[in-house]
Amino acid sequence: MQTTYRFFIAILCGSLLAAQGWAQTCQQDTIKESTPTARFTFDKNGTVTDTETGITWLRCALGQQWNGTTCTGSANTYDWQAAMNAVQELNKRKFGGHDDWRLPFIPELASIAERQCFNPRVNLAVFPGTPTITFWSGMERMGYPDMAYALDFGNGDAHPEKKIFKGAVRPMHDGPNGPWWKMPEMPKMH
């Protein structure tokens, strides 16, 4: 009986570890690739430009380092205001020759989510080392000043989080034609 119990616990723990994102899973036979590598142009400085949206992204989350081949180290996590401040620091340094880096809006962040993969839900050839965690967006939740939207790169779920939540950051800047996505104007309440 005790051996059966230990075996059950070992199987359960193994299943939980697998569910925590230790290895990316892709359903290449059943779901069409949504972010093919050929859609991106790569720069040696650790940025990548999406030719479909015009958006330039950091290949690594803030806290990770680009070593010329991949992202190393661990992603930092920030509360929402600290995330905004970290992006402003990137702008002060004019990383990649730009001072217009920002937190993406949810549709922009979702544009790099790979639908055929999860844990993480991203093309790892384009964004290597992406952790299976939640990333902040620059979208605040209307009517809830203490909340902003985030995207979970484990399962691809977009949802509001309290701004005190600790999330990762993947800065972006708009292409030469301006923003790919614009926040719709909300109707005025009378």
N, C-alpha and C. Protein backbone atom coordinates (compact mmCIF):
# COMPACT_ATOMS: atom_id res chain seq x y z
N MET A 1 0.82 -1.19 0.00
CA MET A 1 0.00 0.00 0.00
C MET A 1 0.87 1.26 0.00
N GLN A 2 1.90 1.28 0.86
CA GLN A 2 2.78 2.43 0.95
C GLN A 2 3.53 2.63 -0.37
N THR A 3 3.93 1.56 -1.04
CA THR A 3 4.62 1.65 -2.33
C THR A 3 3.69 2.26 -3.38
N THR A 4 2.43 1.86 -3.40
CA THR A 4 1.45 2.41 -4.33
C THR A 4 1.27 3.90 -4.08
N TYR A 5 1.19 4.30 -2.82
CA TYR A 5 1.04 5.70 -2.45
C TYR A 5 2.23 6.51 -2.94
N ARG A 6 3.46 6.05 -2.72
CA ARG A 6 4.67 6.75 -3.18
C ARG A 6 4.69 6.85 -4.70
N PHE A 7 4.28 5.79 -5.38
CA PHE A 7 4.23 5.80 -6.84
C PHE A 7 3.25 6.87 -7.31
N PHE A 8 2.07 6.93 -6.68
CA PHE A 8 1.06 7.93 -7.04
C PHE A 8 1.60 9.34 -6.83
N ILE A 9 2.27 9.58 -5.71
CA ILE A 9 2.84 10.90 -5.42
C ILE A 9 3.91 11.24 -6.46
N ALA A 10 4.75 10.28 -6.83
CA ALA A 10 5.79 10.52 -7.83
C ALA A 10 5.17 10.89 -9.18
N ILE A 11 4.12 10.19 -9.58
CA ILE A 11 3.45 10.49 -10.85
C ILE A 11 2.80 11.88 -10.78
N LEU A 12 2.15 12.20 -9.68
CA LEU A 12 1.51 13.49 -9.51
C LEU A 12 2.54 14.62 -9.57
N CYS A 13 3.64 14.47 -8.87
CA CYS A 13 4.68 15.51 -8.89
C CYS A 13 5.26 15.67 -10.29
N GLY A 14 5.49 14.59 -10.98
CA GLY A 14 6.01 14.65 -12.34
C GLY A 14 5.04 15.37 -13.26
N SER A 15 3.76 15.12 -13.10
CA SER A 15 2.74 15.79 -13.91
C SER A 15 2.70 17.28 -13.62
N LEU A 16 2.81 17.64 -12.36
CA LEU A 16 2.81 19.06 -11.99
C LEU A 16 4.03 19.77 -12.54
N LEU A 17 5.19 19.14 -12.49
CA LEU A 17 6.40 19.76 -13.05
C LEU A 17 6.25 19.96 -14.55
N ALA A 18 5.70 18.99 -15.24
CA ALA A 18 5.49 19.11 -16.68
C ALA A 18 4.53 20.26 -16.97
N ALA A 19 3.51 20.43 -16.15
CA ALA A 19 2.53 21.49 -16.36
C ALA A 19 3.10 22.87 -16.06
N GLN A 20 4.19 22.95 -15.33
CA GLN A 20 4.79 24.22 -14.98
C GLN A 20 5.62 24.80 -16.12
N GLY A 21 5.72 24.14 -17.26
CA GLY A 21 6.39 24.75 -18.40
C GLY A 21 7.84 24.36 -18.54
N TRP A 22 8.24 23.22 -18.10
CA TRP A 22 9.63 22.81 -18.23
C TRP A 22 10.00 22.53 -19.67
N ALA A 23 9.04 22.27 -20.52
CA ALA A 23 9.31 22.05 -21.93
C ALA A 23 8.14 22.56 -22.75
N GLN A 24 8.47 23.33 -23.80
CA GLN A 24 7.42 23.85 -24.66
C GLN A 24 6.75 22.69 -25.41
N THR A 25 5.45 22.81 -25.57
CA THR A 25 4.68 21.84 -26.33
C THR A 25 4.04 22.56 -27.51
N CYS A 26 4.20 22.01 -28.72
CA CYS A 26 3.60 22.59 -29.91
C CYS A 26 2.75 21.55 -30.62
N GLN A 27 1.63 22.01 -31.16
CA GLN A 27 0.71 21.14 -31.89
C GLN A 27 0.82 21.45 -33.38
N GLN A 28 1.98 21.12 -33.96
CA GLN A 28 2.27 21.47 -35.34
C GLN A 28 1.37 20.74 -36.34
N ASP A 29 0.87 19.57 -35.99
CA ASP A 29 0.03 18.82 -36.91
C ASP A 29 -1.40 19.31 -36.97
N THR A 30 -1.86 20.00 -35.92
CA THR A 30 -3.27 20.37 -35.86
C THR A 30 -3.54 21.87 -35.90
N ILE A 31 -2.53 22.70 -35.59
CA ILE A 31 -2.74 24.15 -35.55
C ILE A 31 -1.68 24.82 -36.42
N LYS A 32 -2.11 25.71 -37.30
CA LYS A 32 -1.20 26.43 -38.18
C LYS A 32 -0.36 27.42 -37.37
N GLU A 33 0.91 27.51 -37.73
CA GLU A 33 1.83 28.44 -37.08
C GLU A 33 1.34 29.88 -37.26
N SER A 34 1.28 30.64 -36.18
CA SER A 34 0.80 32.02 -36.24
C SER A 34 1.92 33.05 -36.27
N THR A 35 3.12 32.66 -35.85
CA THR A 35 4.26 33.59 -35.85
C THR A 35 5.48 32.92 -36.50
N PRO A 36 5.40 32.62 -37.81
CA PRO A 36 6.53 31.95 -38.45
C PRO A 36 7.80 32.80 -38.37
N THR A 37 8.91 32.14 -38.18
CA THR A 37 10.20 32.83 -38.04
C THR A 37 10.47 33.74 -39.24
N ALA A 38 10.07 33.34 -40.42
CA ALA A 38 10.31 34.14 -41.63
C ALA A 38 9.59 35.49 -41.60
N ARG A 39 8.64 35.66 -40.72
CA ARG A 39 7.89 36.92 -40.60
C ARG A 39 8.73 38.01 -39.90
N PHE A 40 9.86 37.64 -39.33
CA PHE A 40 10.66 38.56 -38.53
C PHE A 40 12.02 38.83 -39.16
N THR A 41 12.51 40.06 -38.99
CA THR A 41 13.88 40.38 -39.36
C THR A 41 14.66 40.59 -38.07
N PHE A 42 15.88 40.08 -38.04
CA PHE A 42 16.68 40.04 -36.83
C PHE A 42 17.81 41.05 -36.89
N ASP A 43 18.06 41.70 -35.76
CA ASP A 43 19.17 42.64 -35.64
C ASP A 43 20.15 42.07 -34.64
N LYS A 44 21.42 42.37 -34.82
CA LYS A 44 22.46 41.83 -33.93
C LYS A 44 22.39 42.36 -32.51
N ASN A 45 21.66 43.46 -32.30
CA ASN A 45 21.60 44.07 -30.96
C ASN A 45 20.57 43.41 -30.04
N GLY A 46 19.94 42.32 -30.51
CA GLY A 46 18.97 41.65 -29.66
C GLY A 46 17.55 42.14 -29.85
N THR A 47 17.30 42.79 -31.00
CA THR A 47 15.93 43.18 -31.33
C THR A 47 15.48 42.41 -32.56
N VAL A 48 14.18 42.39 -32.77
CA VAL A 48 13.59 41.73 -33.92
C VAL A 48 12.41 42.58 -34.37
N THR A 49 12.23 42.69 -35.69
CA THR A 49 11.11 43.47 -36.22
C THR A 49 10.14 42.53 -36.91
N ASP A 50 8.89 42.68 -36.55
CA ASP A 50 7.80 41.90 -37.13
C ASP A 50 7.40 42.59 -38.44
N THR A 51 7.62 41.94 -39.57
CA THR A 51 7.33 42.55 -40.87
C THR A 51 5.84 42.70 -41.11
N GLU A 52 5.01 41.99 -40.37
CA GLU A 52 3.56 42.09 -40.53
C GLU A 52 3.01 43.31 -39.80
N THR A 53 3.52 43.60 -38.62
CA THR A 53 3.01 44.71 -37.81
C THR A 53 3.92 45.94 -37.85
N GLY A 54 5.19 45.77 -38.19
CA GLY A 54 6.16 46.86 -38.15
C GLY A 54 6.74 47.09 -36.77
N ILE A 55 6.27 46.36 -35.78
CA ILE A 55 6.73 46.54 -34.40
C ILE A 55 8.12 45.93 -34.22
N THR A 56 8.99 46.66 -33.53
CA THR A 56 10.30 46.13 -33.14
C THR A 56 10.21 45.75 -31.67
N TRP A 57 10.68 44.54 -31.37
CA TRP A 57 10.62 43.98 -30.02
C TRP A 57 12.02 43.70 -29.50
N LEU A 58 12.19 43.76 -28.19
CA LEU A 58 13.37 43.16 -27.57
C LEU A 58 13.16 41.65 -27.62
N ARG A 59 14.18 40.92 -28.02
CA ARG A 59 14.05 39.46 -28.07
C ARG A 59 14.02 38.86 -26.67
N CYS A 60 14.64 39.54 -25.73
CA CYS A 60 14.70 39.05 -24.34
C CYS A 60 13.79 39.91 -23.47
N ALA A 61 13.25 39.29 -22.44
CA ALA A 61 12.51 40.05 -21.43
C ALA A 61 13.51 40.90 -20.65
N LEU A 62 13.05 42.01 -20.09
CA LEU A 62 13.95 42.82 -19.27
C LEU A 62 14.50 41.97 -18.13
N GLY A 63 15.80 42.09 -17.91
CA GLY A 63 16.49 41.28 -16.90
C GLY A 63 17.33 40.20 -17.54
N GLN A 64 16.90 39.72 -18.71
CA GLN A 64 17.70 38.76 -19.46
C GLN A 64 18.71 39.52 -20.32
N GLN A 65 19.75 38.83 -20.75
CA GLN A 65 20.76 39.45 -21.59
C GLN A 65 20.85 38.70 -22.92
N TRP A 66 21.01 39.47 -24.01
CA TRP A 66 21.21 38.89 -25.33
C TRP A 66 22.71 38.65 -25.50
N ASN A 67 23.10 37.39 -25.78
CA ASN A 67 24.53 37.08 -25.93
C ASN A 67 24.94 36.91 -27.39
N GLY A 68 24.09 37.30 -28.31
CA GLY A 68 24.36 37.17 -29.74
C GLY A 68 23.69 35.95 -30.35
N THR A 69 23.22 35.04 -29.52
CA THR A 69 22.55 33.83 -29.99
C THR A 69 21.24 33.56 -29.28
N THR A 70 21.20 33.88 -27.99
CA THR A 70 20.03 33.56 -27.18
C THR A 70 19.92 34.52 -26.00
N CYS A 71 18.85 34.39 -25.27
CA CYS A 71 18.65 35.17 -24.05
C CYS A 71 19.15 34.35 -22.87
N THR A 72 19.97 34.96 -22.04
CA THR A 72 20.49 34.28 -20.87
C THR A 72 20.00 34.99 -19.61
N GLY A 73 20.10 34.29 -18.50
CA GLY A 73 19.66 34.88 -17.24
C GLY A 73 18.15 34.75 -17.06
N SER A 74 17.68 35.41 -16.04
CA SER A 74 16.26 35.34 -15.68
C SER A 74 15.57 36.66 -15.95
N ALA A 75 14.33 36.58 -16.33
CA ALA A 75 13.52 37.79 -16.53
C ALA A 75 13.24 38.42 -15.17
N ASN A 76 13.36 39.73 -15.12
CA ASN A 76 12.95 40.45 -13.92
C ASN A 76 11.42 40.53 -13.91
N THR A 77 10.85 40.63 -12.73
CA THR A 77 9.42 40.89 -12.62
C THR A 77 9.24 42.20 -11.88
N TYR A 78 8.22 42.93 -12.28
CA TYR A 78 7.98 44.27 -11.78
C TYR A 78 6.50 44.44 -11.48
N ASP A 79 6.17 45.32 -10.52
CA ASP A 79 4.80 45.76 -10.44
C ASP A 79 4.60 46.70 -11.64
N TRP A 80 3.38 47.08 -11.92
CA TRP A 80 3.09 47.80 -13.17
C TRP A 80 3.83 49.13 -13.25
N GLN A 81 3.85 49.91 -12.18
CA GLN A 81 4.53 51.21 -12.23
C GLN A 81 6.04 51.01 -12.39
N ALA A 82 6.61 50.03 -11.72
CA ALA A 82 8.04 49.74 -11.88
C ALA A 82 8.34 49.28 -13.30
N ALA A 83 7.40 48.57 -13.94
CA ALA A 83 7.57 48.15 -15.33
C ALA A 83 7.63 49.38 -16.24
N MET A 84 6.72 50.33 -16.01
CA MET A 84 6.72 51.58 -16.78
C MET A 84 8.05 52.32 -16.59
N ASN A 85 8.52 52.37 -15.35
CA ASN A 85 9.80 53.05 -15.05
C ASN A 85 10.97 52.34 -15.71
N ALA A 86 10.96 51.01 -15.74
CA ALA A 86 12.06 50.24 -16.36
C ALA A 86 12.13 50.52 -17.86
N VAL A 87 10.99 50.67 -18.50
CA VAL A 87 10.98 51.00 -19.93
C VAL A 87 11.51 52.42 -20.15
N GLN A 88 11.18 53.35 -19.24
CA GLN A 88 11.71 54.71 -19.36
C GLN A 88 13.23 54.72 -19.22
N GLU A 89 13.77 53.85 -18.36
CA GLU A 89 15.23 53.73 -18.23
C GLU A 89 15.85 53.24 -19.54
N LEU A 90 15.19 52.31 -20.20
CA LEU A 90 15.64 51.82 -21.51
C LEU A 90 15.67 52.98 -22.51
N ASN A 91 14.67 53.85 -22.45
CA ASN A 91 14.62 55.02 -23.34
C ASN A 91 15.74 56.01 -23.03
N LYS A 92 16.06 56.20 -21.77
CA LYS A 92 17.16 57.10 -21.40
C LYS A 92 18.48 56.61 -21.97
N ARG A 93 18.64 55.29 -22.05
CA ARG A 93 19.88 54.71 -22.61
C ARG A 93 19.86 54.67 -24.14
N LYS A 94 18.70 55.00 -24.74
CA LYS A 94 18.51 54.96 -26.19
C LYS A 94 18.93 53.61 -26.76
N PHE A 95 18.40 52.56 -26.11
CA PHE A 95 18.75 51.20 -26.54
C PHE A 95 18.37 51.00 -28.01
N GLY A 96 19.29 50.45 -28.79
CA GLY A 96 19.04 50.20 -30.21
C GLY A 96 18.85 51.48 -31.00
N GLY A 97 19.28 52.62 -30.43
CA GLY A 97 19.13 53.90 -31.11
C GLY A 97 17.74 54.50 -30.99
N HIS A 98 16.92 53.96 -30.09
CA HIS A 98 15.54 54.45 -29.94
C HIS A 98 15.29 54.95 -28.53
N ASP A 99 14.44 55.97 -28.44
CA ASP A 99 14.00 56.45 -27.13
C ASP A 99 12.48 56.44 -27.04
N ASP A 100 11.87 55.53 -27.84
CA ASP A 100 10.42 55.44 -27.85
C ASP A 100 9.92 54.03 -27.51
N TRP A 101 10.69 53.30 -26.72
CA TRP A 101 10.25 51.99 -26.25
C TRP A 101 9.07 52.18 -25.31
N ARG A 102 8.16 51.22 -25.29
CA ARG A 102 7.01 51.30 -24.41
C ARG A 102 6.49 49.90 -24.11
N LEU A 103 5.59 49.83 -23.12
CA LEU A 103 4.87 48.58 -22.87
C LEU A 103 3.85 48.41 -24.00
N PRO A 104 3.72 47.22 -24.55
CA PRO A 104 2.75 47.02 -25.62
C PRO A 104 1.32 46.97 -25.10
N PHE A 105 0.38 47.27 -25.98
CA PHE A 105 -1.02 47.03 -25.68
C PHE A 105 -1.28 45.54 -25.86
N ILE A 106 -2.35 45.04 -25.28
CA ILE A 106 -2.65 43.60 -25.36
C ILE A 106 -2.68 43.08 -26.80
N PRO A 107 -3.35 43.74 -27.76
CA PRO A 107 -3.33 43.19 -29.12
C PRO A 107 -1.92 43.12 -29.71
N GLU A 108 -1.06 44.06 -29.35
CA GLU A 108 0.32 44.02 -29.83
C GLU A 108 1.07 42.85 -29.21
N LEU A 109 0.93 42.68 -27.91
CA LEU A 109 1.59 41.57 -27.22
C LEU A 109 1.05 40.24 -27.74
N ALA A 110 -0.26 40.18 -27.96
CA ALA A 110 -0.87 38.94 -28.48
C ALA A 110 -0.41 38.63 -29.90
N SER A 111 0.05 39.65 -30.64
CA SER A 111 0.50 39.42 -32.02
C SER A 111 1.75 38.54 -32.08
N ILE A 112 2.48 38.42 -30.97
CA ILE A 112 3.67 37.55 -30.96
C ILE A 112 3.42 36.24 -30.22
N ALA A 113 2.20 36.05 -29.75
CA ALA A 113 1.86 34.77 -29.10
C ALA A 113 1.69 33.71 -30.18
N GLU A 114 2.36 32.59 -30.03
CA GLU A 114 2.28 31.49 -31.00
C GLU A 114 1.14 30.57 -30.61
N ARG A 115 0.11 30.51 -31.45
CA ARG A 115 -1.10 29.74 -31.13
C ARG A 115 -0.89 28.23 -31.11
N GLN A 116 0.12 27.72 -31.82
CA GLN A 116 0.29 26.27 -31.84
C GLN A 116 1.14 25.76 -30.68
N CYS A 117 1.69 26.66 -29.89
CA CYS A 117 2.57 26.26 -28.78
C CYS A 117 2.08 26.82 -27.46
N PHE A 118 2.47 26.16 -26.38
CA PHE A 118 2.22 26.68 -25.05
C PHE A 118 3.37 26.28 -24.14
N ASN A 119 3.49 27.01 -23.06
CA ASN A 119 4.56 26.81 -22.06
C ASN A 119 5.96 26.89 -22.66
N PRO A 120 6.38 27.99 -23.24
CA PRO A 120 5.67 29.26 -23.42
C PRO A 120 4.94 29.33 -24.76
N ARG A 121 3.97 30.24 -24.82
CA ARG A 121 3.16 30.44 -26.02
C ARG A 121 3.84 31.51 -26.86
N VAL A 122 5.00 31.13 -27.44
CA VAL A 122 5.79 32.05 -28.25
C VAL A 122 6.70 31.23 -29.16
N ASN A 123 7.13 31.83 -30.26
CA ASN A 123 8.09 31.19 -31.16
C ASN A 123 9.47 31.35 -30.52
N LEU A 124 10.02 30.27 -30.01
CA LEU A 124 11.29 30.34 -29.29
C LEU A 124 12.48 30.61 -30.20
N ALA A 125 12.33 30.44 -31.50
CA ALA A 125 13.41 30.81 -32.43
C ALA A 125 13.51 32.34 -32.52
N VAL A 126 12.40 33.02 -32.31
CA VAL A 126 12.36 34.48 -32.38
C VAL A 126 12.60 35.09 -31.00
N PHE A 127 11.99 34.51 -29.98
CA PHE A 127 12.07 35.02 -28.61
C PHE A 127 12.61 33.92 -27.70
N PRO A 128 13.91 33.59 -27.83
CA PRO A 128 14.46 32.47 -27.05
C PRO A 128 14.49 32.78 -25.55
N GLY A 129 14.31 31.75 -24.77
CA GLY A 129 14.40 31.92 -23.32
C GLY A 129 13.19 32.60 -22.70
N THR A 130 12.11 32.76 -23.45
CA THR A 130 10.92 33.40 -22.89
C THR A 130 10.36 32.55 -21.76
N PRO A 131 10.23 33.15 -20.59
CA PRO A 131 9.67 32.37 -19.47
C PRO A 131 8.17 32.19 -19.61
N THR A 132 7.68 31.15 -19.01
CA THR A 132 6.25 30.83 -19.02
C THR A 132 5.58 31.58 -17.87
N ILE A 133 5.54 32.91 -18.01
CA ILE A 133 4.95 33.76 -16.97
C ILE A 133 4.13 34.86 -17.63
N THR A 134 3.55 35.70 -16.82
CA THR A 134 2.70 36.79 -17.28
C THR A 134 3.54 38.04 -17.56
N PHE A 135 3.23 38.68 -18.70
CA PHE A 135 3.91 39.92 -19.12
C PHE A 135 2.92 41.08 -19.07
N TRP A 136 3.40 42.22 -18.59
CA TRP A 136 2.57 43.41 -18.50
C TRP A 136 2.29 44.01 -19.87
N SER A 137 1.12 44.65 -19.99
CA SER A 137 0.82 45.52 -21.13
C SER A 137 0.73 46.95 -20.60
N GLY A 138 0.63 47.89 -21.52
CA GLY A 138 0.45 49.28 -21.14
C GLY A 138 -1.01 49.68 -21.01
N MET A 139 -1.91 48.72 -21.06
CA MET A 139 -3.35 49.00 -21.01
C MET A 139 -3.88 48.92 -19.58
N GLU A 140 -4.37 50.06 -19.10
CA GLU A 140 -5.02 50.05 -17.79
C GLU A 140 -6.47 49.61 -17.96
N ARG A 141 -7.03 49.05 -16.91
CA ARG A 141 -8.42 48.61 -16.95
C ARG A 141 -9.32 49.81 -16.67
N MET A 142 -10.19 50.09 -17.61
CA MET A 142 -11.09 51.24 -17.50
C MET A 142 -11.98 51.09 -16.26
N GLY A 143 -12.03 52.15 -15.47
CA GLY A 143 -12.87 52.15 -14.28
C GLY A 143 -12.21 51.51 -13.06
N TYR A 144 -11.03 50.95 -13.24
CA TYR A 144 -10.30 50.30 -12.15
C TYR A 144 -8.86 50.81 -12.16
N PRO A 145 -8.59 51.96 -11.56
CA PRO A 145 -7.26 52.56 -11.64
C PRO A 145 -6.16 51.73 -11.00
N ASP A 146 -6.51 50.71 -10.22
CA ASP A 146 -5.50 49.87 -9.59
C ASP A 146 -5.21 48.60 -10.40
N MET A 147 -5.73 48.53 -11.66
CA MET A 147 -5.55 47.33 -12.48
C MET A 147 -5.05 47.68 -13.88
N ALA A 148 -4.29 46.74 -14.46
CA ALA A 148 -3.84 46.84 -15.85
C ALA A 148 -3.88 45.44 -16.45
N TYR A 149 -3.87 45.38 -17.77
CA TYR A 149 -3.95 44.09 -18.45
C TYR A 149 -2.58 43.46 -18.62
N ALA A 150 -2.58 42.14 -18.63
CA ALA A 150 -1.36 41.36 -18.79
C ALA A 150 -1.67 40.14 -19.65
N LEU A 151 -0.63 39.55 -20.23
CA LEU A 151 -0.79 38.35 -21.04
C LEU A 151 0.08 37.25 -20.48
N ASP A 152 -0.52 36.11 -20.23
CA ASP A 152 0.19 34.95 -19.70
C ASP A 152 0.80 34.18 -20.86
N PHE A 153 2.12 34.12 -20.93
CA PHE A 153 2.79 33.41 -22.02
C PHE A 153 2.91 31.92 -21.75
N GLY A 154 2.21 31.44 -20.74
CA GLY A 154 2.08 30.00 -20.55
C GLY A 154 0.94 29.48 -21.40
N ASN A 155 -0.24 30.08 -21.20
CA ASN A 155 -1.43 29.60 -21.91
C ASN A 155 -2.01 30.61 -22.89
N GLY A 156 -1.48 31.83 -22.91
CA GLY A 156 -1.95 32.85 -23.85
C GLY A 156 -3.13 33.66 -23.38
N ASP A 157 -3.51 33.53 -22.12
CA ASP A 157 -4.66 34.21 -21.55
C ASP A 157 -4.34 35.68 -21.27
N ALA A 158 -5.17 36.59 -21.78
CA ALA A 158 -5.06 38.02 -21.45
C ALA A 158 -6.10 38.33 -20.38
N HIS A 159 -5.67 39.06 -19.36
CA HIS A 159 -6.56 39.32 -18.23
C HIS A 159 -6.07 40.52 -17.44
N PRO A 160 -6.98 41.17 -16.67
CA PRO A 160 -6.53 42.26 -15.80
C PRO A 160 -5.85 41.71 -14.55
N GLU A 161 -4.86 42.45 -14.10
CA GLU A 161 -4.15 42.13 -12.86
C GLU A 161 -4.08 43.40 -12.01
N LYS A 162 -4.04 43.23 -10.71
CA LYS A 162 -3.78 44.37 -9.85
C LYS A 162 -2.38 44.88 -10.15
N LYS A 163 -2.19 46.18 -10.14
CA LYS A 163 -0.90 46.77 -10.51
C LYS A 163 0.22 46.40 -9.56
N ILE A 164 -0.11 45.84 -8.40
CA ILE A 164 0.94 45.40 -7.47
C ILE A 164 1.48 44.02 -7.84
N PHE A 165 0.80 43.32 -8.77
CA PHE A 165 1.25 42.02 -9.26
C PHE A 165 2.63 42.17 -9.89
N LYS A 166 3.45 41.15 -9.79
CA LYS A 166 4.79 41.17 -10.40
C LYS A 166 4.75 40.42 -11.73
N GLY A 167 4.97 41.15 -12.82
CA GLY A 167 4.96 40.57 -14.15
C GLY A 167 6.24 40.92 -14.89
N ALA A 168 6.50 40.18 -15.96
CA ALA A 168 7.68 40.42 -16.80
C ALA A 168 7.37 41.53 -17.80
N VAL A 169 8.42 41.99 -18.49
CA VAL A 169 8.29 43.10 -19.43
C VAL A 169 9.02 42.77 -20.73
N ARG A 170 8.32 42.92 -21.86
CA ARG A 170 8.93 42.84 -23.19
C ARG A 170 8.61 44.14 -23.93
N PRO A 171 9.55 45.10 -23.87
CA PRO A 171 9.30 46.39 -24.53
C PRO A 171 9.24 46.27 -26.05
N MET A 172 8.57 47.25 -26.64
CA MET A 172 8.43 47.35 -28.09
C MET A 172 8.49 48.82 -28.49
N HIS A 173 8.76 49.06 -29.77
CA HIS A 173 8.54 50.40 -30.30
C HIS A 173 7.88 50.28 -31.66
N ASP A 174 7.09 51.31 -31.97
CA ASP A 174 6.31 51.31 -33.20
C ASP A 174 7.21 51.40 -34.42
N GLY A 175 6.70 50.90 -35.53
CA GLY A 175 7.42 50.97 -36.79
C GLY A 175 7.36 52.35 -37.40
N PRO A 176 7.95 52.52 -38.58
CA PRO A 176 8.02 53.84 -39.21
C PRO A 176 6.66 54.40 -39.60
N ASN A 177 5.65 53.55 -39.73
CA ASN A 177 4.30 54.01 -40.09
C ASN A 177 3.44 54.29 -38.87
N GLY A 178 4.05 54.30 -37.70
CA GLY A 178 3.29 54.58 -36.48
C GLY A 178 2.71 53.32 -35.88
N PRO A 179 1.82 53.48 -34.92
CA PRO A 179 1.25 52.32 -34.22
C PRO A 179 0.51 51.37 -35.16
N TRP A 180 0.73 50.09 -34.92
CA TRP A 180 0.02 49.04 -35.66
C TRP A 180 -1.42 48.93 -35.16
N TRP A 181 -1.61 49.15 -33.86
CA TRP A 181 -2.93 49.06 -33.24
C TRP A 181 -3.16 50.32 -32.44
N LYS A 182 -4.34 50.88 -32.58
CA LYS A 182 -4.69 52.08 -31.82
C LYS A 182 -5.85 51.76 -30.90
N MET A 183 -5.77 52.27 -29.70
CA MET A 183 -6.84 52.10 -28.72
C MET A 183 -8.09 52.78 -29.25
N PRO A 184 -9.20 52.06 -29.33
CA PRO A 184 -10.43 52.70 -29.81
C PRO A 184 -10.93 53.74 -28.81
N GLU A 185 -11.54 54.76 -29.36
CA GLU A 185 -12.12 55.77 -28.47
C GLU A 185 -13.39 55.22 -27.87
N MET A 186 -13.53 55.43 -26.60
CA MET A 186 -14.72 54.95 -25.89
C MET A 186 -15.82 55.98 -26.01
N PRO A 187 -17.06 55.54 -26.19
CA PRO A 187 -18.17 56.50 -26.27
C PRO A 187 -18.32 57.25 -24.95
N LYS A 188 -18.68 58.48 -25.07
CA LYS A 188 -18.87 59.29 -23.86
C LYS A 188 -20.24 58.97 -23.26
N MET A 189 -20.25 58.83 -21.96
CA MET A 189 -21.50 58.55 -21.23
C MET A 189 -22.17 59.88 -20.92
N HIS A 190 -23.45 59.94 -21.18
CA HIS A 190 -24.18 61.19 -20.89
C HIS A 190 -25.05 61.01 -19.69
